[in-house]
C-alpha atoms as a PDB file:
ATOM      1  CA  MET A   1      13.195 -13.504   8.398  1.00  0.00           C
ATOM      2  CA  ARG A   2      15.617 -15.101  11.204  1.00  0.00           C
ATOM      3  CA  HIS A   3      18.297 -17.860  10.327  1.00  0.00           C
ATOM      4  CA  TYR A   4      18.262 -19.484  12.868  1.00  0.00           C
ATOM      5  CA  ALA A   5      17.147 -19.530  16.783  1.00  0.00           C
ATOM      6  CA  LYS A   6      18.530 -20.849  20.032  1.00  0.00           C
ATOM      7  CA  VAL A   7      16.517 -23.024  22.119  1.00  0.00           C
ATOM      8  CA  THR A   8      18.143 -24.970  24.466  1.00  0.00           C
ATOM      9  CA  SER A   9      17.159 -28.622  25.927  1.00  0.00           C
ATOM     10  CA  SER A  10      16.632 -26.963  29.633  1.00  0.00           C
ATOM     11  CA  PHE A  11      13.021 -25.589  28.248  1.00  0.00           C
ATOM     12  CA  TRP A  12      11.372 -29.010  28.804  1.00  0.00           C
ATOM     13  CA  LEU A  13      13.138 -29.247  32.626  1.00  0.00           C
ATOM     14  CA  GLY A  14      12.878 -25.680  33.536  1.00  0.00           C
ATOM     15  CA  HIS A  15       9.743 -23.579  35.405  1.00  0.00           C
ATOM     16  CA  THR A  16       7.867 -22.700  32.211  1.00  0.00           C
ATOM     17  CA  GLY A  17       8.241 -26.157  30.749  1.00  0.00           C
ATOM     18  CA  ARG A  18       7.043 -28.754  33.246  1.00  0.00           C
ATOM     19  CA  GLN A  19       4.212 -26.094  33.823  1.00  0.00           C
ATOM     20  CA  LEU A  20       2.796 -26.947  30.325  1.00  0.00           C
ATOM     21  CA  ARG A  21       3.391 -30.702  30.810  1.00  0.00           C
ATOM     22  CA  GLY A  22       0.689 -32.881  28.803  1.00  0.00           C
ATOM     23  CA  GLN A  23      -0.830 -29.265  26.823  1.00  0.00           C
ATOM     24  CA  SER A  24       0.530 -29.803  23.302  1.00  0.00           C
ATOM     25  CA  ALA A  25      -0.906 -27.057  21.858  1.00  0.00           C
ATOM     26  CA  THR A  26       0.549 -24.838  24.192  1.00  0.00           C
ATOM     27  CA  GLN A  27       4.047 -26.318  23.853  1.00  0.00           C
ATOM     28  CA  LEU A  28       3.619 -25.745  20.083  1.00  0.00           C
ATOM     29  CA  VAL A  29       2.853 -22.087  20.351  1.00  0.00           C
ATOM     30  CA  ALA A  30       5.963 -21.454  23.318  1.00  0.00           C
ATOM     31  CA  LEU A  31       8.207 -23.450  20.711  1.00  0.00           C
ATOM     32  CA  TYR A  32       6.919 -21.318  17.926  1.00  0.00           C
ATOM     33  CA  LEU A  33       7.380 -18.282  19.260  1.00  0.00           C
ATOM     34  CA  MET A  34      10.977 -18.947  20.013  1.00  0.00           C
ATOM     35  CA  THR A  35      11.606 -20.158  16.445  1.00  0.00           C
ATOM     36  CA  SER A  36       8.996 -17.956  14.506  1.00  0.00           C
ATOM     37  CA  PRO A  37      10.500 -16.537  11.744  1.00  0.00           C
ATOM     38  CA  HIS A  38       8.873 -13.277  12.359  1.00  0.00           C
ATOM     39  CA  ALA A  39      10.838 -13.076  15.524  1.00  0.00           C
ATOM     40  CA  ASN A  40      14.311 -11.027  16.165  1.00  0.00           C
ATOM     41  CA  MET A  41      16.890 -11.701  18.725  1.00  0.00           C
ATOM     42  CA  ILE A  42      15.089  -9.102  21.556  1.00  0.00           C
ATOM     43  CA  GLY A  43      12.346 -11.091  21.652  1.00  0.00           C
ATOM     44  CA  VAL A  44       9.437  -7.997  21.052  1.00  0.00           C
ATOM     45  CA  PHE A  45       7.880  -8.375  17.616  1.00  0.00           C
ATOM     46  CA  HIS A  46       4.872  -8.471  15.335  1.00  0.00           C
ATOM     47  CA  CYS A  47       3.071 -12.075  15.157  1.00  0.00           C
ATOM     48  CA  PRO A  48      -0.907 -11.907  14.717  1.00  0.00           C
ATOM     49  CA  ALA A  49      -2.378 -14.928  15.530  1.00  0.00           C
ATOM     50  CA  LEU A  50      -3.261 -15.586  12.245  1.00  0.00           C
ATOM     51  CA  TYR A  51       0.401 -16.449  11.849  1.00  0.00           C
ATOM     52  CA  ILE A  52       0.993 -18.577  14.117  1.00  0.00           C
ATOM     53  CA  SER A  53      -2.498 -20.791  13.428  1.00  0.00           C
ATOM     54  CA  HIS A  54      -1.208 -20.761   9.553  1.00  0.00           C
ATOM     55  CA  GLU A  55       2.337 -21.879  10.083  1.00  0.00           C
ATOM     56  CA  THR A  56       1.554 -24.259  13.307  1.00  0.00           C
ATOM     57  CA  GLY A  57      -1.682 -26.272  11.720  1.00  0.00           C
ATOM     58  CA  LEU A  58      -3.433 -25.150  14.767  1.00  0.00           C
ATOM     59  CA  SER A  59      -7.217 -23.710  14.694  1.00  0.00           C
ATOM     60  CA  MET A  60      -7.327 -19.955  15.628  1.00  0.00           C
ATOM     61  CA  ASP A  61      -9.444 -21.106  19.363  1.00  0.00           C
ATOM     62  CA  GLU A  62      -6.298 -23.341  20.054  1.00  0.00           C
ATOM     63  CA  VAL A  63      -3.517 -20.518  19.484  1.00  0.00           C
ATOM     64  CA  SER A  64      -5.728 -18.103  21.775  1.00  0.00           C
ATOM     65  CA  ASP A  65      -5.778 -20.563  24.187  1.00  0.00           C
ATOM     66  CA  GLY A  66      -2.087 -21.023  24.236  1.00  0.00           C
ATOM     67  CA  LEU A  67      -1.095 -17.333  24.033  1.00  0.00           C
ATOM     68  CA  ARG A  68      -3.670 -17.296  27.831  1.00  0.00           C
ATOM     69  CA  ARG A  69      -1.768 -20.180  29.306  1.00  0.00           C
ATOM     70  CA  LEU A  70       1.302 -18.579  27.991  1.00  0.00           C
ATOM     71  CA  LYS A  71       1.021 -15.316  29.679  1.00  0.00           C
ATOM     72  CA  GLU A  72      -0.403 -17.180  32.576  1.00  0.00           C
ATOM     73  CA  ALA A  73       2.671 -18.946  32.706  1.00  0.00           C
ATOM     74  CA  ASP A  74       4.583 -15.393  32.839  1.00  0.00           C
ATOM     75  CA  PHE A  75       6.118 -16.810  29.311  1.00  0.00           C
ATOM     76  CA  CYS A  76       4.906 -14.083  27.342  1.00  0.00           C
ATOM     77  CA  THR A  77       3.034 -10.766  27.337  1.00  0.00           C
ATOM     78  CA  VAL A  78       0.485 -10.049  24.168  1.00  0.00           C
ATOM     79  CA  ASP A  79      -0.519  -6.701  23.139  1.00  0.00           C
ATOM     80  CA  ALA A  80      -3.770  -7.466  21.256  1.00  0.00           C
ATOM     81  CA  ASP A  81      -4.377  -3.888  19.671  1.00  0.00           C
ATOM     82  CA  ARG A  82      -0.538  -3.938  17.865  1.00  0.00           C
ATOM     83  CA  GLU A  83      -0.837  -7.481  17.422  1.00  0.00           C
ATOM     84  CA  LEU A  84       2.552  -7.542  19.285  1.00  0.00           C
ATOM     85  CA  ILE A  85       4.311  -9.886  21.230  1.00  0.00           C
ATOM     86  CA  PHE A  86       7.135 -10.031  23.786  1.00  0.00           C
ATOM     87  CA  VAL A  87       8.482 -13.077  24.788  1.00  0.00           C
ATOM     88  CA  HIS A  88      10.343 -12.312  28.044  1.00  0.00           C
ATOM     89  CA  GLU A  89      13.106 -14.343  28.677  1.00  0.00           C
ATOM     90  CA  MET A  90      14.041 -14.649  25.253  1.00  0.00           C
ATOM     91  CA  ALA A  91      16.902 -11.855  24.736  1.00  0.00           C
ATOM     92  CA  HIS A  92      18.315 -13.761  27.601  1.00  0.00           C
ATOM     93  CA  TYR A  93      18.174 -17.113  25.744  1.00  0.00           C
ATOM     94  CA  GLN A  94      19.193 -15.721  22.632  1.00  0.00           C
ATOM     95  CA  ILE A  95      21.762 -12.433  23.450  1.00  0.00           C
ATOM     96  CA  GLY A  96      22.493 -13.123  27.234  1.00  0.00           C
ATOM     97  CA  THR A  97      22.765 -10.116  29.747  1.00  0.00           C
ATOM     98  CA  ASP A  98      26.029 -10.150  30.643  1.00  0.00           C
ATOM     99  CA  ILE A  99      27.569  -8.298  27.459  1.00  0.00           C
ATOM    100  CA  LYS A 100      30.066  -5.660  27.095  1.00  0.00           C
ATOM    101  CA  PRO A 101      29.663  -1.857  25.858  1.00  0.00           C
ATOM    102  CA  ALA A 102      31.831  -3.127  22.798  1.00  0.00           C
ATOM    103  CA  ASP A 103      29.958  -6.196  21.652  1.00  0.00           C
ATOM    104  CA  LYS A 104      28.636  -5.249  17.799  1.00  0.00           C
ATOM    105  CA  ARG A 105      25.654  -6.951  18.786  1.00  0.00           C
ATOM    106  CA  LEU A 106      24.277  -4.301  21.229  1.00  0.00           C
ATOM    107  CA  SER A 107      24.193  -1.835  17.918  1.00  0.00           C
ATOM    108  CA  GLY A 108      21.666  -4.843  16.537  1.00  0.00           C
ATOM    109  CA  VAL A 109      19.543  -4.490  20.002  1.00  0.00           C
ATOM    110  CA  GLN A 110      19.368  -0.921  20.557  1.00  0.00           C
ATOM    111  CA  HIS A 111      18.269  -0.812  16.525  1.00  0.00           C
ATOM    112  CA  ASP A 112      15.631  -3.399  17.151  1.00  0.00           C
ATOM    113  CA  TYR A 113      14.392  -1.647  20.673  1.00  0.00           C
ATOM    114  CA  ALA A 114      14.642   1.750  19.179  1.00  0.00           C
ATOM    115  CA  GLY A 115      11.842   0.382  15.866  1.00  0.00           C
ATOM    116  CA  LEU A 116       9.405  -0.448  18.199  1.00  0.00           C
ATOM    117  CA  PRO A 117       6.126   1.469  18.521  1.00  0.00           C
ATOM    118  CA  GLU A 118       5.575   3.176  21.499  1.00  0.00           C
ATOM    119  CA  GLY A 119       3.419   1.248  23.852  1.00  0.00           C
ATOM    120  CA  PRO A 120       3.068  -0.646  26.708  1.00  0.00           C
ATOM    121  CA  LEU A 121       5.463  -3.814  25.384  1.00  0.00           C
ATOM    122  CA  LYS A 122       8.363  -1.440  24.428  1.00  0.00           C
ATOM    123  CA  ARG A 123       7.899   0.022  28.431  1.00  0.00           C
ATOM    124  CA  ALA A 124       8.226  -3.408  29.598  1.00  0.00           C
ATOM    125  CA  PHE A 125      11.370  -4.793  27.907  1.00  0.00           C
ATOM    126  CA  PHE A 126      13.031  -1.108  28.651  1.00  0.00           C
ATOM    127  CA  ALA A 127      12.119  -2.086  32.469  1.00  0.00           C
ATOM    128  CA  ARG A 128      13.959  -5.564  32.156  1.00  0.00           C
ATOM    129  CA  TYR A 129      16.721  -5.067  30.030  1.00  0.00           C
ATOM    130  CA  ALA A 130      17.599  -1.353  30.058  1.00  0.00           C
ATOM    131  CA  GLN A 131      20.659  -1.820  32.318  1.00  0.00           C
ATOM    132  CA  ALA A 132      21.693  -4.918  30.422  1.00  0.00           C
ATOM    133  CA  PHE A 133      21.910  -4.087  27.001  1.00  0.00           C
ATOM    134  CA  TYR A 134      22.509   0.195  27.869  1.00  0.00           C
ATOM    135  CA  LEU A 135      18.987   1.156  26.602  1.00  0.00           C
ATOM    136  CA  GLU A 136      19.362   4.116  29.496  1.00  0.00           C
ATOM    137  CA  GLY A 137      19.715   6.603  26.589  1.00  0.00           C
ATOM    138  CA  LEU A 138      16.800   5.359  24.695  1.00  0.00           C
ATOM    139  CA  ALA A 139      13.944   5.717  27.444  1.00  0.00           C
ATOM    140  CA  THR A 140      10.390   5.191  26.135  1.00  0.00           C
ATOM    141  CA  ARG A 141       7.987   8.022  25.658  1.00  0.00           C
ATOM    142  CA  PRO A 142       5.409   7.759  27.785  1.00  0.00           C
ATOM    143  CA  HIS A 143       1.874   6.783  26.155  1.00  0.00           C
ATOM    144  CA  PRO A 144      -0.730   9.296  26.342  1.00  0.00           C
ATOM    145  CA  ASP A 145      -3.632   6.406  27.777  1.00  0.00           C
ATOM    146  CA  ASP A 146      -1.109   5.689  30.464  1.00  0.00           C
ATOM    147  CA  ASP A 147      -2.586   8.763  32.673  1.00  0.00           C
ATOM    148  CA  LEU A 148      -5.893   9.725  29.900  1.00  0.00           C
ATOM    149  CA  PHE A 149      -7.822  10.805  33.813  1.00  0.00           C
ATOM    150  CA  ALA A 150      -4.958  11.645  35.639  1.00  0.00           C
ATOM    151  CA  GLU A 151      -4.962  15.449  37.298  1.00  0.00           C
ATOM    152  CA  PRO A 152      -2.132  17.285  36.236  1.00  0.00           C
ATOM    153  CA  VAL A 153       0.558  18.229  39.565  1.00  0.00           C
ATOM    154  CA  PRO A 154       0.825  22.021  40.073  1.00  0.00           C
ATOM    155  CA  GLN A 155       4.211  23.478  39.817  1.00  0.00           C
ATOM    156  CA  SER A 156       5.194  26.539  41.506  1.00  0.00           C
ATOM    157  CA  PRO A 157       6.786  29.424  40.112  1.00  0.00           C
ATOM    158  CA  PRO A 158      10.698  29.163  40.651  1.00  0.00           C
ATOM    159  CA  LYS A 159      11.824  31.368  43.488  1.00  0.00           C
ATOM    160  CA  LYS A 160      13.968  34.729  42.855  1.00  0.00           C
ATOM    161  CA  ALA A 161      16.995  35.150  45.070  1.00  0.00           C
ATOM    162  CA  GLN A 162      17.045  38.027  47.283  1.00  0.00           C
ATOM    163  CA  THR A 163      19.440  40.847  47.313  1.00  0.00           C
ATOM    164  CA  PRO A 164      20.699  42.160  50.328  1.00  0.00           C
ATOM    165  CA  GLY A 165      18.248  45.209  49.723  1.00  0.00           C
ATOM    166  CA  GLN A 166      14.999  43.135  49.611  1.00  0.00           C
ATOM    167  CA  ALA A 167      15.795  41.309  52.197  1.00  0.00           C
ATOM    168  CA  GLY A 168      15.701  44.256  54.367  1.00  0.00           C
ATOM    169  CA  LEU A 169      12.331  45.728  52.658  1.00  0.00           C
ATOM    170  CA  ASN A 170       9.983  46.943  55.756  1.00  0.00           C
ATOM    171  CA  PRO A 171       6.966  44.392  55.817  1.00  0.00           C
ATOM    172  CA  GLU A 172       4.867  47.114  55.914  1.00  0.00           C
ATOM    173  CA  ASN A 173       5.325  48.032  52.568  1.00  0.00           C
ATOM    174  CA  ILE A 174       4.700  44.937  51.335  1.00  0.00           C
ATOM    175  CA  SER A 175       1.072  44.442  49.403  1.00  0.00           C
ATOM    176  CA  HIS A 176      -0.998  41.855  51.327  1.00  0.00           C
ATOM    177  CA  GLN A 177      -3.059  40.687  48.461  1.00  0.00           C
ATOM    178  CA  GLU A 178      -2.572  36.877  47.272  1.00  0.00           C
ATOM    179  CA  ALA A 179      -2.757  35.451  44.593  1.00  0.00           C
ATOM    180  CA  PRO A 180      -5.314  32.660  44.431  1.00  0.00           C
ATOM    181  CA  SER A 181      -4.002  29.084  46.004  1.00  0.00           C
ATOM    182  CA  LYS A 182      -5.914  27.001  43.380  1.00  0.00           C
ATOM    183  CA  PRO A 183      -7.548  28.132  40.308  1.00  0.00           C
ATOM    184  CA  LEU A 184     -10.960  29.051  39.866  1.00  0.00           C
ATOM    185  CA  PRO A 185     -13.455  26.446  38.828  1.00  0.00           C
ATOM    186  CA  ASP A 186     -14.237  25.520  35.024  1.00  0.00           C
ATOM    187  CA  GLU A 187     -18.564  26.212  34.640  1.00  0.00           C
ATOM    188  CA  ASN A 188     -17.816  24.108  31.370  1.00  0.00           C
ATOM    189  CA  LEU A 189     -15.740  21.144  33.033  1.00  0.00           C
ATOM    190  CA  PRO A 190     -18.675  19.148  33.367  1.00  0.00           C
ATOM    191  CA  LEU A 191     -19.935  19.002  29.923  1.00  0.00           C
ATOM    192  CA  ARG A 192     -16.119  18.474  28.360  1.00  0.00           C
ATOM    193  CA  SER A 193     -15.798  14.918  31.142  1.00  0.00           C
ATOM    194  CA  LEU A 194     -19.109  14.099  29.413  1.00  0.00           C
ATOM    195  CA  GLU A 195     -18.145  14.580  25.878  1.00  0.00           C
ATOM    196  CA  LEU A 196     -14.889  12.855  26.425  1.00  0.00           C
ATOM    197  CA  GLU A 197     -16.554  10.114  27.407  1.00  0.00           C
ATOM    198  CA  LEU A 198     -18.956   9.747  24.642  1.00  0.00           C
ATOM    199  CA  GLU A 199     -16.108  10.471  22.427  1.00  0.00           C
ATOM    200  CA  LEU A 200     -14.159   7.160  23.475  1.00  0.00           C
ATOM    201  CA  ASN A 201     -17.007   4.989  24.209  1.00  0.00           C
ATOM    202  CA  LYS A 202     -17.821   5.758  20.235  1.00  0.00           C
ATOM    203  CA  GLU A 203     -14.027   4.948  19.674  1.00  0.00           C
ATOM    204  CA  GLN A 204     -14.052   1.539  21.694  1.00  0.00           C
ATOM    205  CA  GLU A 205     -17.335   0.697  19.798  1.00  0.00           C
ATOM    206  CA  LEU A 206     -15.493   1.609  16.293  1.00  0.00           C
ATOM    207  CA  GLU A 207     -12.117  -0.402  17.660  1.00  0.00           C
ATOM    208  CA  GLN A 208     -14.692  -3.608  18.689  1.00  0.00           C
ATOM    209  CA  GLU A 209     -16.089  -3.520  14.995  1.00  0.00           C
ATOM    210  CA  ARG A 210     -12.966  -3.239  13.061  1.00  0.00           C
ATOM    211  CA  GLU A 211     -11.314  -5.864  15.473  1.00  0.00           C
ATOM    212  CA  GLN A 212     -14.769  -8.329  14.290  1.00  0.00           C
ATOM    213  CA  THR A 213     -13.939  -7.704  10.880  1.00  0.00           C
ATOM    214  CA  ARG A 214     -10.295  -8.482  10.968  1.00  0.00           C
ATOM    215  CA  ALA A 215     -11.433 -11.540  12.859  1.00  0.00           C
ATOM    216  CA  ARG A 216     -14.103 -12.791  10.782  1.00  0.00           C
ATOM    217  CA  ILE A 217     -11.573 -11.664   7.655  1.00  0.00           C
ATOM    218  CA  GLY A 218      -8.669 -13.346   9.163  1.00  0.00           C
ATOM    219  CA  THR A 219     -10.717 -16.764   9.656  1.00  0.00           C
ATOM    220  CA  GLN A 220     -11.998 -16.570   6.178  1.00  0.00           C
ATOM    221  CA  ALA A 221      -8.063 -16.477   4.937  1.00  0.00           C
ATOM    222  CA  GLY A 222      -6.904 -19.135   6.597  1.00  0.00           C
ATOM    223  CA  GLN A 223     -10.088 -21.251   4.929  1.00  0.00           C
ATOM    224  CA  ILE A 224      -9.132 -20.041   1.776  1.00  0.00           C
ATOM    225  CA  CYS A 225      -5.970 -20.536   2.223  1.00  0.00           C
ATOM    226  CA  LYS A 226      -6.624 -24.680   3.232  1.00  0.00           C
ATOM    227  CA  ALA A 227      -8.472 -24.829   0.586  1.00  0.00           C
ATOM    228  CA  MET A 228      -5.536 -23.830  -2.039  1.00  0.00           C
ATOM    229  CA  LYS A 229      -3.533 -26.152  -0.428  1.00  0.00           C
ATOM    230  CA  ALA A 230      -5.872 -28.813  -0.624  1.00  0.00           C
ATOM    231  CA  ILE A 231      -6.312 -28.322  -4.687  1.00  0.00           C
ATOM    232  CA  GLY A 232      -2.451 -28.149  -4.434  1.00  0.00           C
ATOM    233  CA  LEU A 233      -0.911 -24.307  -4.321  1.00  0.00           C
ATOM    234  CA  MET A 234       1.227 -24.886  -1.186  1.00  0.00           C
ATOM    235  CA  HIS A 235       3.038 -21.374  -0.633  1.00  0.00           C
ATOM    236  CA  VAL A 236       0.138 -19.346   0.641  1.00  0.00           C
ATOM    237  CA  ASN A 237      -0.091 -16.355   3.019  1.00  0.00           C
ATOM    238  CA  PRO A 238      -3.355 -15.761   4.463  1.00  0.00           C
ATOM    239  CA  ALA A 239      -1.750 -12.300   5.951  1.00  0.00           C
ATOM    240  CA  HIS A 240      -1.399 -11.570   2.487  1.00  0.00           C
ATOM    241  CA  PRO A 241      -2.820  -7.846   1.779  1.00  0.00           C
ATOM    242  CA  ASP A 242      -4.292  -9.024  -1.746  1.00  0.00           C
ATOM    243  CA  LEU A 243      -5.952 -11.624  -0.440  1.00  0.00           C
ATOM    244  CA  LEU A 244      -7.572  -9.416   2.914  1.00  0.00           C
ATOM    245  CA  ALA A 245      -8.592  -6.779   0.165  1.00  0.00           C
ATOM    246  CA  LEU A 246     -10.267  -9.233  -2.243  1.00  0.00           C
ATOM    247  CA  ILE A 247     -11.439 -10.635   0.494  1.00  0.00           C
ATOM    248  CA  ALA A 248     -13.049  -7.470   2.250  1.00  0.00           C
ATOM    249  CA  SER A 249     -14.256  -7.019  -1.329  1.00  0.00           C
ATOM    250  CA  GLY A 250     -17.043  -9.428  -1.382  1.00  0.00           C
ATOM    251  CA  VAL A 251     -14.709 -11.994  -3.325  1.00  0.00           C
ATOM    252  CA  SER A 252     -16.668 -15.271  -2.366  1.00  0.00           C
ATOM    253  CA  GLU A 253     -14.732 -19.112  -1.564  1.00  0.00           C
ATOM    254  CA  GLN A 254     -15.585 -20.416  -4.931  1.00  0.00           C
ATOM    255  CA  THR A 255     -13.902 -17.771  -6.840  1.00  0.00           C
ATOM    256  CA  PHE A 256     -10.969 -18.500  -4.852  1.00  0.00           C
ATOM    257  CA  ALA A 257     -11.276 -22.294  -5.190  1.00  0.00           C
ATOM    258  CA  TYR A 258     -11.919 -22.210  -8.818  1.00  0.00           C
ATOM    259  CA  THR A 259      -8.771 -20.062  -9.826  1.00  0.00           C
ATOM    260  CA  ALA A 260      -6.380 -21.863  -7.545  1.00  0.00           C
ATOM    261  CA  GLN A 261      -7.712 -24.616  -9.363  1.00  0.00           C
ATOM    262  CA  GLU A 262      -7.488 -23.028 -12.834  1.00  0.00           C
ATOM    263  CA  ALA A 263      -3.646 -22.155 -11.272  1.00  0.00           C
ATOM    264  CA  GLU A 264      -2.670 -25.898 -10.481  1.00  0.00           C
ATOM    265  CA  GLU A 265      -4.000 -26.806 -14.018  1.00  0.00           C
ATOM    266  CA  ARG A 266      -1.694 -24.092 -15.412  1.00  0.00           C
ATOM    267  CA  GLN A 267       1.202 -24.710 -12.656  1.00  0.00           C
ATOM    268  CA  LYS A 268       0.982 -21.370 -11.773  1.00  0.00           C
ATOM    269  CA  GLY A 269       1.140 -19.710  -8.127  1.00  0.00           C
ATOM    270  CA  PHE A 270      -0.832 -18.090  -5.006  1.00  0.00           C
ATOM    271  CA  ALA A 271       0.381 -14.543  -6.798  1.00  0.00           C
ATOM    272  CA  TRP A 272      -1.011 -15.641  -9.844  1.00  0.00           C
ATOM    273  CA  VAL A 273      -4.583 -16.535  -8.552  1.00  0.00           C
ATOM    274  CA  LEU A 274      -4.693 -13.125  -6.651  1.00  0.00           C
ATOM    275  CA  ALA A 275      -3.758 -11.004 -10.203  1.00  0.00           C
ATOM    276  CA  THR A 276      -6.211 -13.034 -11.800  1.00  0.00           C
ATOM    277  CA  ILE A 277      -9.115 -12.464  -9.463  1.00  0.00           C
ATOM    278  CA  ARG A 278      -7.934  -8.578  -9.289  1.00  0.00           C
ATOM    279  CA  GLY A 279      -7.986  -8.507 -13.054  1.00  0.00           C
ATOM    280  CA  ARG A 280     -11.302  -9.966 -14.060  1.00  0.00           C
ATOM    281  CA  LEU A 281     -12.851  -8.016 -11.377  1.00  0.00           C
ATOM    282  CA  HIS A 282     -11.683  -4.971 -12.980  1.00  0.00           C
ATOM    283  CA  ASP A 283     -13.009  -6.469 -16.716  1.00  0.00           C
ATOM    284  CA  PRO A 284     -15.873  -4.246 -17.650  1.00  0.00           C
ATOM    285  CA  GLN A 285     -16.539  -7.888 -19.771  1.00  0.00           C
ATOM    286  CA  PRO A 286     -15.539 -10.598 -17.818  1.00  0.00           C
ATOM    287  CA  ARG A 287     -15.955 -14.261 -19.114  1.00  0.00           C
ATOM    288  CA  CYS A 288     -18.868 -16.191 -17.431  1.00  0.00           C
ATOM    289  CA  MET A 289     -17.598 -18.600 -15.671  1.00  0.00           C
ATOM    290  CA  PRO A 290     -17.565 -20.552 -12.035  1.00  0.00           C
ATOM    291  CA  GLY A 291     -17.213 -18.075  -9.441  1.00  0.00           C
ATOM    292  CA  TYR A 292     -17.475 -14.891 -11.438  1.00  0.00           C
ATOM    293  CA  PRO A 293     -20.535 -12.507 -11.576  1.00  0.00           C
ATOM    294  CA  SER A 294     -21.492 -12.541 -15.485  1.00  0.00           C
ATOM    295  CA  HIS A 295     -22.010  -9.615 -17.270  1.00  0.00           C
ATOM    296  CA  ARG A 296     -25.854  -9.698 -16.899  1.00  0.00           C
ATOM    297  CA  GLN A 297     -25.778 -10.456 -13.356  1.00  0.00           C
ATOM    298  CA  ARG A 298     -23.565  -7.222 -12.990  1.00  0.00           C
ATOM    299  CA  LEU A 299     -25.744  -4.954 -14.572  1.00  0.00           C
ATOM    300  CA  LEU A 300     -28.771  -5.662 -13.315  1.00  0.00           C
ATOM    301  CA  SER A 301     -27.096  -5.894  -9.787  1.00  0.00           C
ATOM    302  CA  SER A 302     -25.409  -2.351  -9.940  1.00  0.00           C
ATOM    303  CA  ALA A 303     -28.562  -1.059 -11.792  1.00  0.00           C
ATOM    304  CA  SER A 304     -31.176   0.845  -9.594  1.00  0.00           C
ATOM    305  CA  ASP A 305     -34.915   0.884 -10.160  1.00  0.00           C
ATOM    306  CA  ASP A 306     -34.881   4.391 -11.975  1.00  0.00           C
ATOM    307  CA  ASP A 307     -32.147   2.872 -14.501  1.00  0.00           C
ATOM    308  CA  GLU A 308     -32.586   2.416 -17.846  1.00  0.00           C
ATOM    309  CA  ILE A 309     -30.811  -0.652 -19.395  1.00  0.00           C
ATOM    310  CA  ASP A 310     -29.552  -0.981 -22.672  1.00  0.00           C
ATOM    311  CA  TYR A 311     -30.913  -4.681 -23.637  1.00  0.00           C
ATOM    312  CA  GLY A 312     -29.367  -5.047 -26.672  1.00  0.00           C
ATOM    313  CA  PRO A 313     -30.714  -6.324 -29.832  1.00  0.00           C
ATOM    314  CA  GLY A 314     -33.418  -8.895 -29.539  1.00  0.00           C
ATOM    315  CA  GLY A 315     -34.267  -6.924 -25.916  1.00  0.00           C
ATOM    316  CA  LEU A 316     -31.412  -9.534 -24.573  1.00  0.00           C
ATOM    317  CA  LEU A 317     -28.950  -9.004 -22.081  1.00  0.00           C
ATOM    318  CA  PRO A 318     -25.323 -10.411 -23.641  1.00  0.00           C
ATOM    319  CA  GLU A 319     -23.661 -12.519 -20.833  1.00  0.00           C
END
């Protein structure tokens, strides 16, 4: 986490600042990106929209609209698949572009750059700052999706140098049989192309479903954290992996609200809420309380039509 960031007053008078006048939500998103605790000095960092929404108080729609407007203003580029953001001029303002090879900050820049995942934002940073930050020896690898359907360029075999004896060979003694100039056609090429297209379409559909699921869970996590704040738990994290896992497993908002109320009464925190819910869900006989299924409900919901249920003494299921 960064402890400080440089934001100059020229932001409000520069080209981008003038374009954003009257767009308070977009201005807030821009300032957040420049001062975000998740950012680094090179300006390419992991920052899901959920982080921005939670830490600025803006809605997800306002964040999405703000990022779109900033992209149109050439302020930043967003890689939604990797949840990365590239603030174009951030390295210029945080570090400068006229630094010497002996500058100790270069090692930090090169370390942050080398840690970026291969993709369009890493290549864009290299194209913009390779010369300023001496990144020539850290060139990015081409992404496999860049030329997915490009045909390979045929390579000619290297020519061998002729010896004086070979140069004087009689042309009549040389075979006139030539290798084919083009590879023979592959009869299975159309079938393989169709299979590849179907596989790509299937992968795109699965990715869309995963994106919709992540968006639904992210929205629900934000609502749950806002409800916890209203109860009194101030230090919450909507991107916490345990929280997202509990939501994905089907834990209701009522369960989180009840447990947060219990945590507030006991003067506990956000981590206690997650640990308590996780522990109670794995308890074979949890206490019957608001937001948690009773033992009777668990037995009935988990039993199939053919299962025999032990109703216990008197033919009654215990709570």
